[in-house]
């Protein structure tokens, strides 16, 4: 059985690992010319953590992970205004949490995928279509820029928020996108003083309608991310200029970070993708292309890895691809929809829209230090981790 996976991000690479180990002939197509170096620091937990353990990749993820001492909200001078020891979040998740850079998680998955799949960069998908066959032997074809056509028993659309597979098979993006009123960006920069000030904390500006956050990396660089409210879904022509205009007045190390903003920066709107049905014939959507929860939910990578593992399990245990895809969606959709609801309801916690909301967040974090209250608050930040992934596979 041949699978073509469109997208070499977290979900696509996880699918390649899981399918390849199950004996599928897997080809991964990625439109970018090379692996992307820019990306967020992520808190990886929930069903994806469990799936990574089942896949045998968790030790490598933990090795590349970071020890974070504290979540700190700071003012324009870098003074701590509110926060929590990061251990509280870990305890709320029974210790099953690791902070890891998105490119590092991709690298782990890519290393494990390499022995069981073929990976081609610089390949742009322009069309995916179903090819009818007799006695249920239909197939799918992937048409690449330049005219090459690839035939497969399964096409996995794991090509992100702006998926070409979704557009080709399910329709235009406008049907499925839920703009959450935010733009976000991420980049890396080098500043020794900023690295010392951040230390082993995750620092966020304690601000309304816009914020920047910082992690220190072990190579001396600093990972930065930015988020701000906007009703405009279209993206700016010059992301770095936009970031400077919106965020520079936040103070502390923000102006220096923005001055060091590289030419290549990750920048996108904050979206959820809601598709009524995740598969059509031999084509299935995976990860952000069909189940994007947005950064507000904090489990995009987890959903991608767990969804891929569960999909491969269903395919291995079903009599047909169609049966597997139906069973996978029936099991996985309630989990994804719960994460999306949590993300939408937590928007004001993530980025307060008024000074009153900002003060309420500070108060909640202070209350978290009280006995019996901390678990409630930290679970409100992390959301529910999700059900047992093995139980979902058996259900």
Protein backbone atom coordinates (compact mmCIF):
# COMPACT_ATOMS: atom_id res chain seq x y z
CA UNK A 1 0.00 0.00 0.00
CA UNK A 2 1.34 3.40 -0.99
CA UNK A 3 0.74 6.62 0.94
CA UNK A 4 1.60 10.11 -0.20
CA UNK A 5 1.87 12.53 2.72
CA UNK A 6 1.63 16.18 1.75
CA UNK A 7 3.52 18.28 4.29
CA UNK A 8 6.71 17.63 6.29
CA UNK A 9 5.62 19.39 9.45
CA UNK A 10 4.88 17.69 12.74
CA UNK A 11 1.66 15.92 11.67
CA UNK A 12 3.03 14.82 8.31
CA UNK A 13 6.29 13.46 9.71
CA UNK A 14 4.45 11.68 12.51
CA UNK A 15 2.19 10.06 9.90
CA UNK A 16 5.25 9.01 7.89
CA UNK A 17 6.81 7.37 10.96
CA UNK A 18 3.65 5.52 11.94
CA UNK A 19 2.61 4.40 8.45
CA UNK A 20 6.14 3.48 7.37
CA UNK A 21 6.62 1.27 10.39
CA UNK A 22 3.33 -0.43 9.57
CA UNK A 23 4.69 -1.47 6.20
CA UNK A 24 3.29 1.30 4.01
CA UNK A 25 5.37 2.63 1.13
CA UNK A 26 5.43 6.30 2.19
CA UNK A 27 6.41 9.36 0.16
CA UNK A 28 6.43 12.76 1.92
CA UNK A 29 6.14 15.90 -0.20
CA UNK A 30 7.05 19.32 1.22
CA UNK A 31 6.62 22.59 -0.66
CA UNK A 32 9.41 24.36 1.26
CA UNK A 33 12.92 23.98 -0.11
CA UNK A 34 14.32 22.76 3.22
CA UNK A 35 13.29 22.21 6.85
CA UNK A 36 12.17 25.44 8.49
CA UNK A 37 14.39 26.87 11.20
CA UNK A 38 11.92 29.38 12.66
CA UNK A 39 9.19 28.36 15.07
CA UNK A 40 7.76 28.50 18.54
CA UNK A 41 8.83 27.03 21.79
CA UNK A 42 5.94 24.68 22.57
CA UNK A 43 4.67 22.99 25.69
CA UNK A 44 4.13 19.44 24.44
CA UNK A 45 1.68 17.41 26.50
CA UNK A 46 -1.64 15.59 26.30
CA UNK A 47 -2.46 12.82 23.81
CA UNK A 48 0.52 13.69 21.61
CA UNK A 49 2.89 13.08 24.52
CA UNK A 50 1.32 9.64 24.99
CA UNK A 51 1.52 8.92 21.26
CA UNK A 52 5.19 9.99 21.14
CA UNK A 53 5.87 7.53 23.94
CA UNK A 54 4.05 4.75 22.05
CA UNK A 55 6.07 5.60 18.92
CA UNK A 56 9.35 5.39 20.83
CA UNK A 57 10.35 8.97 19.99
CA UNK A 58 9.68 10.50 23.41
CA UNK A 59 13.23 9.98 24.82
CA UNK A 60 14.69 12.01 21.94
CA UNK A 61 12.09 14.75 22.45
CA UNK A 62 12.86 14.91 26.16
CA UNK A 63 16.58 15.13 25.43
CA UNK A 64 16.02 18.22 23.28
CA UNK A 65 13.52 19.74 25.69
CA UNK A 66 14.11 22.71 27.95
CA UNK A 67 13.82 23.10 31.71
CA UNK A 68 11.65 26.13 32.43
CA UNK A 69 11.62 27.37 36.02
CA UNK A 70 8.82 29.90 35.91
CA UNK A 71 6.14 31.54 33.82
CA UNK A 72 6.68 35.28 34.43
CA UNK A 73 4.54 38.20 33.30
CA UNK A 74 6.75 41.29 33.30
CA UNK A 75 6.20 45.05 33.01
CA UNK A 76 7.93 47.52 30.66
CA UNK A 77 11.06 47.41 32.85
CA UNK A 78 11.19 43.63 33.06
CA UNK A 79 9.90 43.50 36.64
CA UNK A 80 7.84 40.47 37.60
CA UNK A 81 4.13 41.39 37.89
CA UNK A 82 2.60 37.91 38.13
CA UNK A 83 3.50 34.32 37.43
CA UNK A 84 3.71 30.72 38.53
CA UNK A 85 6.46 28.16 39.05
CA UNK A 86 6.41 25.99 35.94
CA UNK A 87 6.41 22.90 38.13
CA UNK A 88 2.76 23.61 38.90
CA UNK A 89 1.84 23.06 35.26
CA UNK A 90 3.86 19.85 35.19
CA UNK A 91 2.18 18.56 38.35
CA UNK A 92 -1.27 19.28 36.88
CA UNK A 93 -0.24 16.99 34.00
CA UNK A 94 1.38 14.31 36.19
CA UNK A 95 4.79 15.42 34.96
CA UNK A 96 3.98 14.50 31.35
CA UNK A 97 5.02 17.82 29.85
CA UNK A 98 8.09 18.99 27.96
CA UNK A 99 8.96 22.42 26.53
CA UNK A 100 10.54 21.95 23.12
CA UNK A 101 11.25 24.09 20.07
CA UNK A 102 9.00 23.26 17.14
CA UNK A 103 11.98 22.76 14.75
CA UNK A 104 13.54 20.35 17.29
CA UNK A 105 10.36 18.25 17.49
CA UNK A 106 10.24 18.16 13.70
CA UNK A 107 13.89 17.07 13.62
CA UNK A 108 13.20 14.15 15.97
CA UNK A 109 10.28 13.01 13.82
CA UNK A 110 12.27 13.52 10.61
CA UNK A 111 15.14 11.39 11.96
CA UNK A 112 12.73 8.57 12.82
CA UNK A 113 10.88 8.91 9.50
CA UNK A 114 14.03 8.74 7.36
CA UNK A 115 14.48 4.93 7.54
CA UNK A 116 10.84 4.21 6.61
CA UNK A 117 9.89 6.84 4.02
CA UNK A 118 11.12 8.98 1.14
CA UNK A 119 11.13 12.73 1.75
CA UNK A 120 11.19 15.26 -1.09
CA UNK A 121 11.49 19.02 -0.52
CA UNK A 122 10.55 21.73 -2.99
CA UNK A 123 7.50 19.82 -4.26
CA UNK A 124 4.31 21.88 -4.57
CA UNK A 125 0.95 20.08 -4.80
CA UNK A 126 -1.50 21.71 -7.20
CA UNK A 127 -4.29 19.13 -7.31
CA UNK A 128 -5.48 15.94 -5.64
CA UNK A 129 -8.13 13.82 -7.31
CA UNK A 130 -9.84 10.46 -6.93
CA UNK A 131 -9.40 7.85 -9.63
CA UNK A 132 -12.33 5.40 -9.69
CA UNK A 133 -11.57 1.70 -9.96
CA UNK A 134 -13.56 -1.46 -10.14
CA UNK A 135 -14.51 -3.60 -7.13
CA UNK A 136 -13.57 -0.88 -4.66
CA UNK A 137 -10.04 -0.49 -6.00
CA UNK A 138 -10.20 3.28 -6.38
CA UNK A 139 -7.06 5.35 -5.81
CA UNK A 140 -5.97 8.96 -5.49
CA UNK A 141 -3.67 11.00 -7.69
CA UNK A 142 -1.47 13.89 -6.62
CA UNK A 143 -0.57 16.39 -9.33
CA UNK A 144 2.60 18.39 -8.70
CA UNK A 145 3.68 21.74 -10.05
CA UNK A 146 5.39 20.91 -13.33
CA UNK A 147 2.88 18.21 -14.23
CA UNK A 148 4.17 15.07 -12.49
CA UNK A 149 1.38 12.77 -11.31
CA UNK A 150 1.69 10.37 -8.36
CA UNK A 151 -0.82 7.62 -7.61
CA UNK A 152 -1.50 6.40 -4.07
CA UNK A 153 -3.82 4.23 -2.01
CA UNK A 154 -3.98 7.03 0.57
CA UNK A 155 -3.21 10.76 0.44
CA UNK A 156 -2.65 12.47 3.79
CA UNK A 157 -3.15 16.23 3.66
CA UNK A 158 -0.86 17.45 6.44
CA UNK A 159 0.09 20.68 4.72
CA UNK A 160 -1.02 23.14 7.38
CA UNK A 161 -3.50 25.93 7.84
CA UNK A 162 -3.47 26.97 4.19
CA UNK A 163 -3.64 23.41 2.88
CA UNK A 164 -3.50 22.86 -0.87
CA UNK A 165 -4.94 19.36 -0.39
CA UNK A 166 -7.94 20.73 1.50
CA UNK A 167 -8.52 23.40 -1.12
CA UNK A 168 -8.34 20.88 -3.96
CA UNK A 169 -10.58 18.20 -2.45
CA UNK A 170 -12.85 19.97 0.05
CA UNK A 171 -13.13 23.52 -1.26
CA UNK A 172 -11.77 27.03 -0.63
CA UNK A 173 -10.25 27.95 2.72
CA UNK A 174 -12.95 30.55 3.45
CA UNK A 175 -15.46 27.76 4.11
CA UNK A 176 -13.49 26.30 6.98
CA UNK A 177 -11.48 29.06 8.64
CA UNK A 178 -12.42 30.68 11.95
CA UNK A 179 -10.35 33.83 12.40
CA UNK A 180 -9.78 34.36 16.14
CA UNK A 181 -8.93 38.03 15.88
CA UNK A 182 -5.18 37.66 16.34
CA UNK A 183 -1.95 37.70 14.37
CA UNK A 184 1.14 35.91 15.63
CA UNK A 185 4.84 35.72 14.81
CA UNK A 186 7.93 33.84 15.94
CA UNK A 187 11.66 34.29 15.36
CA UNK A 188 15.07 33.71 16.92
CA UNK A 189 17.64 36.36 17.74
CA UNK A 190 20.97 36.63 19.50
CA UNK A 191 21.41 39.09 22.39
CA UNK A 192 23.59 38.06 25.35
CA UNK A 193 22.07 40.57 27.74
CA UNK A 194 18.52 39.53 26.83
CA UNK A 195 19.49 35.88 27.27
CA UNK A 196 20.75 36.60 30.79
CA UNK A 197 17.62 38.56 31.70
CA UNK A 198 15.29 35.84 30.49
CA UNK A 199 17.28 33.10 32.22
CA UNK A 200 15.36 29.84 32.53
CA UNK A 201 11.97 31.51 32.59
CA UNK A 202 9.26 31.85 30.01
CA UNK A 203 8.73 35.61 30.06
CA UNK A 204 5.62 37.34 28.71
CA UNK A 205 4.86 41.05 28.67
CA UNK A 206 1.99 41.81 31.04
CA UNK A 207 0.06 43.82 28.48
CA UNK A 208 -3.33 44.38 26.87
CA UNK A 209 -4.20 43.53 23.23
CA UNK A 210 -0.57 42.74 22.29
CA UNK A 211 2.22 40.81 23.91
CA UNK A 212 5.66 39.38 23.31
CA UNK A 213 7.12 36.31 24.93
CA UNK A 214 10.69 35.05 25.30
CA UNK A 215 12.51 31.78 26.04
CA UNK A 216 16.27 31.43 26.38
CA UNK A 217 17.87 28.70 24.26
CA UNK A 218 20.89 26.58 25.15
CA UNK A 219 22.93 27.94 22.22
CA UNK A 220 22.75 31.49 23.61
CA UNK A 221 19.95 32.68 21.35
CA UNK A 222 16.49 33.81 22.46
CA UNK A 223 13.23 32.53 21.00
CA UNK A 224 10.65 35.28 20.63
CA UNK A 225 7.01 35.16 19.79
CA UNK A 226 4.50 37.96 19.36
CA UNK A 227 0.71 38.12 19.30
CA UNK A 228 -1.67 41.04 18.85
CA UNK A 229 -5.36 41.61 18.30
CA UNK A 230 -6.60 42.61 14.88
CA UNK A 231 -9.84 42.30 12.94
CA UNK A 232 -7.84 42.18 9.69
CA UNK A 233 -7.17 38.58 8.60
CA UNK A 234 -4.90 39.51 5.68
CA UNK A 235 -1.17 39.45 6.39
CA UNK A 236 1.17 42.46 6.13
CA UNK A 237 3.61 42.78 3.24
CA UNK A 238 6.46 43.40 5.70
CA UNK A 239 5.98 41.31 8.86
CA UNK A 240 9.00 42.78 10.69
CA UNK A 241 7.79 46.33 10.09
CA UNK A 242 4.35 45.34 11.35
CA UNK A 243 5.85 43.84 14.50
CA UNK A 244 7.89 46.96 15.21
CA UNK A 245 4.91 49.26 14.72
CA UNK A 246 2.64 47.18 16.97
CA UNK A 247 4.95 45.97 19.74
CA UNK A 248 7.92 48.35 20.09
CA UNK A 249 6.34 50.40 22.90
CA UNK A 250 6.08 47.37 25.20
CA UNK A 251 9.52 48.19 26.58
CA UNK A 252 11.99 45.93 28.39
CA UNK A 253 13.95 43.83 25.82
CA UNK A 254 11.20 44.10 23.19
CA UNK A 255 12.78 46.95 21.13
CA UNK A 256 16.12 45.10 20.98
CA UNK A 257 14.39 41.90 19.92
CA UNK A 258 12.49 43.69 17.18
CA UNK A 259 15.66 45.40 15.97
CA UNK A 260 17.18 41.93 15.57
CA UNK A 261 14.13 40.51 13.76
CA UNK A 262 15.48 38.45 10.81
CA UNK A 263 14.31 38.74 7.23
CA UNK A 264 12.71 35.30 7.44
CA UNK A 265 10.14 35.28 10.23
CA UNK A 266 7.17 33.04 10.88
CA UNK A 267 4.05 35.21 10.68
CA UNK A 268 0.41 34.19 10.32
CA UNK A 269 -3.09 34.85 11.55
CA UNK A 270 -4.43 32.80 14.44
CA UNK A 271 -6.97 30.40 12.98
CA UNK A 272 -9.03 27.40 13.75
CA UNK A 273 -9.94 25.07 10.90
CA UNK A 274 -13.33 23.36 11.11
CA UNK A 275 -14.08 20.88 8.33
CA UNK A 276 -17.42 18.99 8.49
CA UNK A 277 -15.80 15.80 7.22
CA UNK A 278 -12.08 15.04 7.37
CA UNK A 279 -11.90 12.50 4.57
CA UNK A 280 -13.14 12.05 1.04
CA UNK A 281 -12.44 8.80 -0.77
CA UNK A 282 -8.74 8.06 -0.35
CA UNK A 283 -7.85 11.54 0.95
CA UNK A 284 -7.70 12.50 4.64
CA UNK A 285 -6.82 15.75 6.42
CA UNK A 286 -4.47 15.60 9.39
CA UNK A 287 -3.15 18.19 11.84
CA UNK A 288 -3.68 21.89 11.15
CA UNK A 289 -5.08 21.26 7.67
CA UNK A 290 -8.25 19.81 9.19
CA UNK A 291 -8.07 20.06 12.98
CA UNK A 292 -6.23 23.31 13.81
CA UNK A 293 -6.86 24.34 17.40
CA UNK A 294 -4.67 27.51 17.22
CA UNK A 295 -1.90 28.58 19.57
CA UNK A 296 -4.57 29.57 22.12
CA UNK A 297 -5.20 25.88 22.75
CA UNK A 298 -1.54 25.00 23.24
CA UNK A 299 -1.96 21.50 21.81
CA UNK A 300 -1.51 21.85 18.05
CA UNK A 301 1.59 19.64 18.01
CA UNK A 302 -0.06 17.18 20.36
CA UNK A 303 -3.12 16.91 18.11
CA UNK A 304 -0.89 16.39 15.07
CA UNK A 305 1.20 13.59 16.60
CA UNK A 306 -1.68 11.82 18.33
CA UNK A 307 -3.93 12.09 15.29
CA UNK A 308 -1.24 10.52 13.10
CA UNK A 309 -0.59 7.66 15.51
CA UNK A 310 -4.30 6.94 15.92
CA UNK A 311 -4.85 7.06 12.14
CA UNK A 312 -2.12 4.48 11.56
CA UNK A 313 -3.58 2.25 14.27
CA UNK A 314 -7.02 2.41 12.65
CA UNK A 315 -5.61 1.64 9.22
CA UNK A 316 -3.76 -1.38 10.61
CA UNK A 317 -6.87 -2.75 12.31
CA UNK A 318 -9.49 -2.16 9.61
CA UNK A 319 -10.59 -4.17 6.64
CA UNK A 320 -10.45 -1.18 4.28
CA UNK A 321 -9.14 2.36 4.05
CA UNK A 322 -12.69 3.72 4.02
CA UNK A 323 -13.58 1.85 7.21
CA UNK A 324 -10.39 3.07 8.90
CA UNK A 325 -10.97 6.71 8.01
CA UNK A 326 -14.56 6.60 9.24
CA UNK A 327 -13.58 4.97 12.52
CA UNK A 328 -10.66 7.34 13.06
CA UNK A 329 -12.82 10.42 12.63
CA UNK A 330 -15.60 9.07 14.84
CA UNK A 331 -13.07 8.54 17.65
CA UNK A 332 -10.86 11.58 17.16
CA UNK A 333 -13.35 14.36 16.35
CA UNK A 334 -14.77 14.74 19.90
CA UNK A 335 -11.24 15.18 21.27
CA UNK A 336 -10.33 17.83 18.69
CA UNK A 337 -13.59 19.75 19.09
CA UNK A 338 -13.09 19.88 22.87
CA UNK A 339 -9.60 21.36 22.38
CA UNK A 340 -11.00 23.95 19.98
CA UNK A 341 -13.68 24.98 22.50
CA UNK A 342 -11.07 25.33 25.24
CA UNK A 343 -8.93 27.50 22.96
CA UNK A 344 -11.78 29.88 22.14
CA UNK A 345 -12.88 30.21 25.75
CA UNK A 346 -9.31 30.89 26.88
CA UNK A 347 -8.67 33.82 24.54
CA UNK A 348 -9.06 36.46 27.26
CA UNK A 349 -6.70 34.57 29.55
CA UNK A 350 -4.10 34.24 26.82
CA UNK A 351 -4.28 37.88 25.72
CA UNK A 352 -6.48 40.18 27.86
CA UNK A 353 -8.55 42.65 25.88
CA UNK A 354 -8.90 45.24 28.65
CA UNK A 355 -7.07 46.44 31.79
CA UNK A 356 -9.79 44.83 33.92
CA UNK A 357 -9.15 41.45 32.28
CA UNK A 358 -5.42 41.93 32.80
CA UNK A 359 -5.94 42.56 36.52
CA UNK A 360 -8.19 39.50 36.72
CA UNK A 361 -5.40 37.35 35.28
CA UNK A 362 -2.91 38.70 37.81
CA UNK A 363 -5.35 37.91 40.62
CA UNK A 364 -5.91 34.38 39.35
CA UNK A 365 -2.18 33.74 39.27
CA UNK A 366 -1.81 35.04 42.85
CA UNK A 367 -4.65 32.79 43.98
CA UNK A 368 -2.88 29.85 42.37
CA UNK A 369 -0.35 29.99 45.21
CA UNK A 370 -3.08 29.08 47.71
CA UNK A 371 -3.56 25.44 48.77
CA UNK A 372 -6.31 23.74 46.79
CA UNK A 373 -6.56 26.52 44.23
CA UNK A 374 -3.38 26.04 42.20
CA UNK A 375 -4.56 22.90 40.46
CA UNK A 376 -7.75 24.58 39.28
CA UNK A 377 -5.88 27.58 37.88
CA UNK A 378 -3.16 25.58 36.15
CA UNK A 379 -5.70 23.22 34.60
CA UNK A 380 -7.48 26.33 33.32
CA UNK A 381 -4.27 27.37 31.56
CA UNK A 382 -3.32 23.95 30.20
CA UNK A 383 -6.84 22.69 29.51
CA UNK A 384 -7.67 19.02 29.80
CA UNK A 385 -4.83 16.83 28.62
CA UNK A 386 -7.13 14.43 26.81
CA UNK A 387 -8.08 10.79 27.09
CA UNK A 388 -5.81 7.75 27.07
CA UNK A 389 -4.60 7.49 23.46
CA UNK A 390 -4.41 3.68 23.63
CA UNK A 391 -7.99 3.50 24.88
CA UNK A 392 -9.04 5.68 21.94
CA UNK A 393 -7.29 3.30 19.56
CA UNK A 394 -9.06 0.31 21.11
CA UNK A 395 -12.47 2.01 21.20
